[in-house]
N, C-alpha and C. Protein backbone atom coordinates (compact mmCIF):
# COMPACT_ATOMS: atom_id res chain seq x y z
N MET A 1 63.30 98.58 -188.55
CA MET A 1 64.27 98.06 -187.58
C MET A 1 63.61 97.15 -186.74
N ILE A 2 64.36 95.98 -186.43
CA ILE A 2 63.79 95.04 -185.43
C ILE A 2 64.48 95.22 -184.11
N GLY A 3 63.58 95.38 -183.13
CA GLY A 3 64.15 95.60 -181.80
C GLY A 3 64.25 94.30 -181.07
N ILE A 4 65.30 94.19 -180.23
CA ILE A 4 65.50 93.04 -179.43
C ILE A 4 64.95 93.31 -177.90
N THR A 5 64.03 92.59 -177.52
CA THR A 5 63.45 92.83 -176.19
C THR A 5 64.29 92.10 -175.20
N ARG A 6 64.13 92.39 -173.92
CA ARG A 6 64.78 91.70 -172.85
C ARG A 6 64.34 90.27 -172.88
N THR A 7 63.04 90.03 -173.15
CA THR A 7 62.58 88.59 -173.09
C THR A 7 63.15 87.81 -174.16
N ASN A 8 63.36 88.43 -175.29
CA ASN A 8 64.09 87.65 -176.43
C ASN A 8 65.50 87.39 -176.08
N SER A 9 66.20 88.40 -175.60
CA SER A 9 67.56 88.22 -175.28
C SER A 9 67.87 87.11 -174.13
N VAL A 10 66.92 87.13 -173.05
CA VAL A 10 66.99 86.17 -172.04
C VAL A 10 66.75 84.73 -172.69
N LYS A 11 65.75 84.52 -173.46
CA LYS A 11 65.45 83.29 -174.19
C LYS A 11 66.71 82.87 -175.04
N HIS A 12 67.31 83.76 -175.66
CA HIS A 12 68.48 83.44 -176.55
C HIS A 12 69.62 82.95 -175.76
N LEU A 13 69.92 83.71 -174.65
CA LEU A 13 70.96 83.28 -173.66
C LEU A 13 70.71 81.92 -173.09
N ALA A 14 69.43 81.64 -172.70
CA ALA A 14 69.12 80.36 -172.10
C ALA A 14 69.37 79.36 -173.14
N ASN A 15 69.01 79.60 -174.40
CA ASN A 15 69.13 78.51 -175.49
C ASN A 15 70.65 78.30 -175.67
N LEU A 16 71.54 79.28 -175.75
CA LEU A 16 72.99 79.13 -175.89
C LEU A 16 73.51 78.29 -174.70
N TYR A 17 73.06 78.69 -173.55
CA TYR A 17 73.59 78.02 -172.21
C TYR A 17 73.28 76.47 -172.39
N SER A 18 71.94 76.22 -172.76
CA SER A 18 71.52 74.84 -172.75
C SER A 18 72.12 73.88 -173.80
N ILE A 19 72.56 74.44 -174.94
CA ILE A 19 73.20 73.68 -175.95
C ILE A 19 74.69 73.41 -175.81
N ALA A 20 75.25 74.25 -174.89
CA ALA A 20 76.67 74.08 -174.67
C ALA A 20 76.99 72.81 -173.88
N ASP A 21 78.17 72.20 -174.11
CA ASP A 21 78.66 71.12 -173.37
C ASP A 21 79.24 71.55 -172.09
N VAL A 22 79.81 72.69 -171.99
CA VAL A 22 80.41 73.14 -170.86
C VAL A 22 80.51 74.70 -170.92
N PHE A 23 80.42 75.52 -169.90
CA PHE A 23 80.59 76.97 -169.84
C PHE A 23 81.83 77.21 -169.09
N VAL A 24 82.73 77.90 -169.74
CA VAL A 24 83.97 78.33 -169.01
C VAL A 24 83.92 79.74 -168.69
N ASN A 25 84.11 80.09 -167.35
CA ASN A 25 84.02 81.43 -166.86
C ASN A 25 85.26 81.75 -166.08
N PRO A 26 86.34 82.25 -166.73
CA PRO A 26 87.50 82.51 -166.06
C PRO A 26 87.56 83.95 -165.39
N THR A 27 86.60 84.12 -164.59
CA THR A 27 86.44 85.34 -163.77
C THR A 27 87.38 85.42 -162.50
N VAL A 28 87.91 86.63 -162.34
CA VAL A 28 88.55 86.81 -161.21
C VAL A 28 88.04 87.89 -160.27
N GLU A 29 86.92 88.48 -160.78
CA GLU A 29 86.25 89.73 -160.13
C GLU A 29 84.91 89.52 -159.67
N ASP A 30 84.14 88.60 -160.20
CA ASP A 30 82.77 88.41 -159.86
C ASP A 30 82.58 88.09 -158.36
N ASN A 31 81.68 88.70 -157.64
CA ASN A 31 81.41 88.39 -156.25
C ASN A 31 80.57 87.07 -156.23
N TYR A 32 79.63 86.99 -157.01
CA TYR A 32 78.75 85.78 -157.16
C TYR A 32 78.33 85.73 -158.50
N SER A 33 78.89 85.01 -159.44
CA SER A 33 78.58 85.04 -160.82
C SER A 33 77.20 84.54 -161.18
N THR A 34 76.40 85.49 -161.66
CA THR A 34 74.97 85.02 -162.04
C THR A 34 75.10 84.36 -163.41
N THR A 35 76.03 84.50 -164.23
CA THR A 35 76.31 83.68 -165.47
C THR A 35 76.54 82.31 -165.18
N ASN A 36 77.18 82.10 -164.02
CA ASN A 36 77.36 80.63 -163.60
C ASN A 36 76.09 80.01 -163.24
N LEU A 37 75.20 80.80 -162.45
CA LEU A 37 73.92 80.29 -162.06
C LEU A 37 72.91 80.04 -163.22
N GLU A 38 72.93 80.99 -164.21
CA GLU A 38 72.13 80.90 -165.33
C GLU A 38 72.54 79.72 -166.20
N THR A 39 73.85 79.49 -166.35
CA THR A 39 74.36 78.26 -167.07
C THR A 39 73.85 77.00 -166.34
N ILE A 40 74.01 76.96 -165.09
CA ILE A 40 73.69 75.71 -164.26
C ILE A 40 72.29 75.46 -164.31
N ALA A 41 71.42 76.52 -164.32
CA ALA A 41 69.97 76.35 -164.39
C ALA A 41 69.60 75.82 -165.78
N SER A 42 70.40 76.02 -166.75
CA SER A 42 70.10 75.49 -168.15
C SER A 42 70.60 74.04 -168.24
N GLY A 43 71.28 73.46 -167.17
CA GLY A 43 71.68 72.13 -167.25
C GLY A 43 73.18 71.98 -167.91
N THR A 44 73.94 72.94 -167.89
CA THR A 44 75.29 72.97 -168.41
C THR A 44 76.18 73.09 -167.28
N PRO A 45 77.26 72.27 -167.19
CA PRO A 45 78.28 72.37 -166.14
C PRO A 45 79.15 73.61 -166.42
N VAL A 46 79.75 74.06 -165.21
CA VAL A 46 80.49 75.35 -165.28
C VAL A 46 81.94 74.93 -164.84
N ILE A 47 83.00 75.47 -165.61
CA ILE A 47 84.39 75.48 -165.15
C ILE A 47 84.72 76.96 -164.91
N THR A 48 85.17 77.20 -163.76
CA THR A 48 85.56 78.58 -163.40
C THR A 48 86.76 78.60 -162.43
N TYR A 49 87.27 79.89 -162.22
CA TYR A 49 88.30 80.09 -161.39
C TYR A 49 87.77 80.01 -159.95
N LYS A 50 88.67 79.73 -158.98
CA LYS A 50 88.31 79.61 -157.57
C LYS A 50 88.46 81.00 -156.91
N THR A 51 87.62 81.95 -157.42
CA THR A 51 87.65 83.28 -156.85
C THR A 51 86.19 83.83 -156.60
N GLY A 52 86.11 84.83 -155.71
CA GLY A 52 84.76 85.41 -155.47
C GLY A 52 83.82 84.28 -154.99
N GLY A 53 82.62 84.45 -155.47
CA GLY A 53 81.58 83.44 -155.18
C GLY A 53 81.52 82.38 -156.22
N SER A 54 82.33 82.24 -157.18
CA SER A 54 82.25 81.18 -158.13
C SER A 54 82.36 79.91 -157.53
N PRO A 55 83.22 79.52 -156.63
CA PRO A 55 83.19 78.17 -156.11
C PRO A 55 81.88 77.69 -155.56
N GLU A 56 81.19 78.63 -154.97
CA GLU A 56 79.85 78.29 -154.28
C GLU A 56 78.81 77.86 -155.48
N SER A 57 78.87 78.67 -156.55
CA SER A 57 77.98 78.31 -157.55
C SER A 57 78.43 77.07 -158.40
N ALA A 58 79.63 76.91 -158.60
CA ALA A 58 80.14 75.71 -159.43
C ALA A 58 79.96 74.35 -158.69
N VAL A 59 79.90 74.42 -157.30
CA VAL A 59 79.81 73.19 -156.58
C VAL A 59 78.37 72.60 -156.88
N LEU A 60 77.47 73.38 -157.30
CA LEU A 60 76.22 72.89 -157.62
C LEU A 60 76.27 71.94 -158.94
N PHE A 61 77.00 72.30 -159.83
CA PHE A 61 77.05 71.56 -161.11
C PHE A 61 78.21 72.08 -161.92
N GLY A 62 79.40 71.76 -161.48
CA GLY A 62 80.59 72.18 -162.21
C GLY A 62 81.85 72.00 -161.42
N THR A 63 82.85 72.64 -161.74
CA THR A 63 84.10 72.63 -161.01
C THR A 63 84.93 73.88 -161.03
N THR A 64 85.89 73.94 -160.19
CA THR A 64 86.80 75.13 -160.25
C THR A 64 88.27 74.64 -160.46
N VAL A 65 89.05 75.52 -161.04
CA VAL A 65 90.45 75.13 -161.16
C VAL A 65 91.32 75.73 -159.97
N LYS A 66 92.28 74.97 -159.65
CA LYS A 66 93.07 75.24 -158.43
C LYS A 66 93.87 76.61 -158.66
N GLU A 67 94.53 76.75 -159.72
CA GLU A 67 95.33 77.90 -159.98
C GLU A 67 94.64 78.55 -161.27
N ASN A 68 94.63 79.85 -161.25
CA ASN A 68 93.95 80.68 -162.43
C ASN A 68 94.75 80.75 -163.64
N THR A 69 94.82 79.67 -164.32
CA THR A 69 95.56 79.65 -165.67
C THR A 69 94.72 78.97 -166.74
N VAL A 70 94.96 79.43 -167.89
CA VAL A 70 94.24 78.79 -168.98
C VAL A 70 94.66 77.35 -169.20
N GLU A 71 95.77 77.03 -168.86
CA GLU A 71 96.30 75.57 -168.94
C GLU A 71 95.48 74.78 -168.08
N ASN A 72 95.27 75.21 -166.76
CA ASN A 72 94.38 74.35 -165.90
C ASN A 72 92.97 74.24 -166.42
N ILE A 73 92.41 75.21 -167.03
CA ILE A 73 90.97 75.22 -167.57
C ILE A 73 91.03 74.17 -168.73
N ILE A 74 92.08 74.17 -169.58
CA ILE A 74 92.20 73.10 -170.72
C ILE A 74 92.27 71.82 -170.19
N ASP A 75 93.00 71.61 -169.01
CA ASP A 75 93.13 70.30 -168.49
C ASP A 75 91.76 69.77 -167.87
N LYS A 76 91.10 70.77 -167.32
CA LYS A 76 89.64 70.36 -166.84
C LYS A 76 88.82 69.99 -167.93
N ILE A 77 88.82 70.75 -169.08
CA ILE A 77 87.96 70.41 -170.19
C ILE A 77 88.43 68.97 -170.77
N ALA A 78 89.70 68.81 -170.93
CA ALA A 78 90.16 67.54 -171.48
C ALA A 78 89.77 66.40 -170.52
N GLY A 79 89.63 66.58 -169.32
CA GLY A 79 89.32 65.54 -168.40
C GLY A 79 87.79 65.34 -168.12
N LEU A 80 87.03 66.10 -168.80
CA LEU A 80 85.53 65.87 -168.64
C LEU A 80 85.19 64.56 -169.14
N ARG A 81 84.22 64.06 -168.46
CA ARG A 81 83.51 62.81 -168.80
C ARG A 81 82.17 63.08 -169.21
N PRO A 82 81.47 62.20 -169.90
CA PRO A 82 80.05 62.49 -170.23
C PRO A 82 79.21 62.74 -168.96
N ILE A 83 78.46 63.84 -168.92
CA ILE A 83 77.76 64.20 -167.77
C ILE A 83 76.29 63.83 -168.07
N PRO A 84 75.63 63.10 -167.17
CA PRO A 84 74.17 62.85 -167.32
C PRO A 84 73.39 64.02 -167.31
N ASP A 85 72.30 63.98 -168.06
CA ASP A 85 71.39 65.13 -168.21
C ASP A 85 70.87 65.42 -166.88
N LYS A 86 71.10 66.64 -166.39
CA LYS A 86 70.75 67.06 -164.94
C LYS A 86 69.85 68.26 -165.05
N ARG A 87 69.17 68.57 -166.21
CA ARG A 87 68.29 69.67 -166.33
C ARG A 87 67.20 69.46 -165.20
N GLY A 88 66.94 70.53 -164.51
CA GLY A 88 65.89 70.49 -163.41
C GLY A 88 66.40 70.00 -162.16
N CYS A 89 67.71 69.65 -161.99
CA CYS A 89 68.27 69.28 -160.85
C CYS A 89 68.51 70.40 -159.82
N VAL A 90 68.53 71.60 -160.36
CA VAL A 90 68.73 72.63 -159.47
C VAL A 90 67.42 73.50 -159.42
N THR A 91 66.67 73.23 -158.25
CA THR A 91 65.49 73.86 -158.00
C THR A 91 65.62 74.69 -156.75
N LYS A 92 64.63 75.49 -156.54
CA LYS A 92 64.64 76.39 -155.33
C LYS A 92 64.65 75.63 -154.05
N ASP A 93 63.83 74.55 -153.97
CA ASP A 93 63.71 73.81 -152.74
C ASP A 93 65.07 73.10 -152.47
N LYS A 94 65.67 72.53 -153.49
CA LYS A 94 67.05 71.90 -153.36
C LYS A 94 68.02 72.82 -152.92
N ILE A 95 68.14 74.06 -153.45
CA ILE A 95 69.06 75.06 -152.97
C ILE A 95 68.84 75.37 -151.59
N ILE A 96 67.63 75.66 -151.22
CA ILE A 96 67.22 76.02 -149.78
C ILE A 96 67.82 74.87 -148.83
N GLU A 97 67.55 73.74 -149.30
CA GLU A 97 67.93 72.45 -148.39
C GLU A 97 69.39 72.55 -148.30
N GLN A 98 70.19 72.77 -149.45
CA GLN A 98 71.62 72.67 -149.36
C GLN A 98 72.16 73.84 -148.47
N TYR A 99 71.57 75.03 -148.53
CA TYR A 99 72.05 76.06 -147.71
C TYR A 99 71.73 75.76 -146.21
N LEU A 100 70.51 75.27 -145.94
CA LEU A 100 70.24 74.86 -144.57
C LEU A 100 71.11 73.82 -143.98
N ASN A 101 71.48 72.81 -144.89
CA ASN A 101 72.43 71.83 -144.41
C ASN A 101 73.82 72.32 -144.24
N TYR A 102 74.23 73.39 -145.05
CA TYR A 102 75.53 74.03 -144.89
C TYR A 102 75.65 74.71 -143.62
N TYR A 103 74.66 75.44 -143.34
CA TYR A 103 74.70 76.27 -142.07
C TYR A 103 74.23 75.57 -140.84
């Protein structure tokens, strides 16, 4: 039996996030979606509902839909334009700077 370690699963998820064109997270319950943050850290934009902490994470590299419907998500996907490669644009220092500017 081959076991899957946490390290392997994290690398697998990071690979999936990074090869995606967009990550859709239609959550209405997450307080602050770590899947959004993981996806953004991989350089993939997020489309999510405007609930919980999702708008704060999506503002870094992604967008939210105004009303929580699948149709609105489809419209956002259809309206996507090519996004320049922004891998590495989300760093600890940049996030700290954004928070300090915000407050």
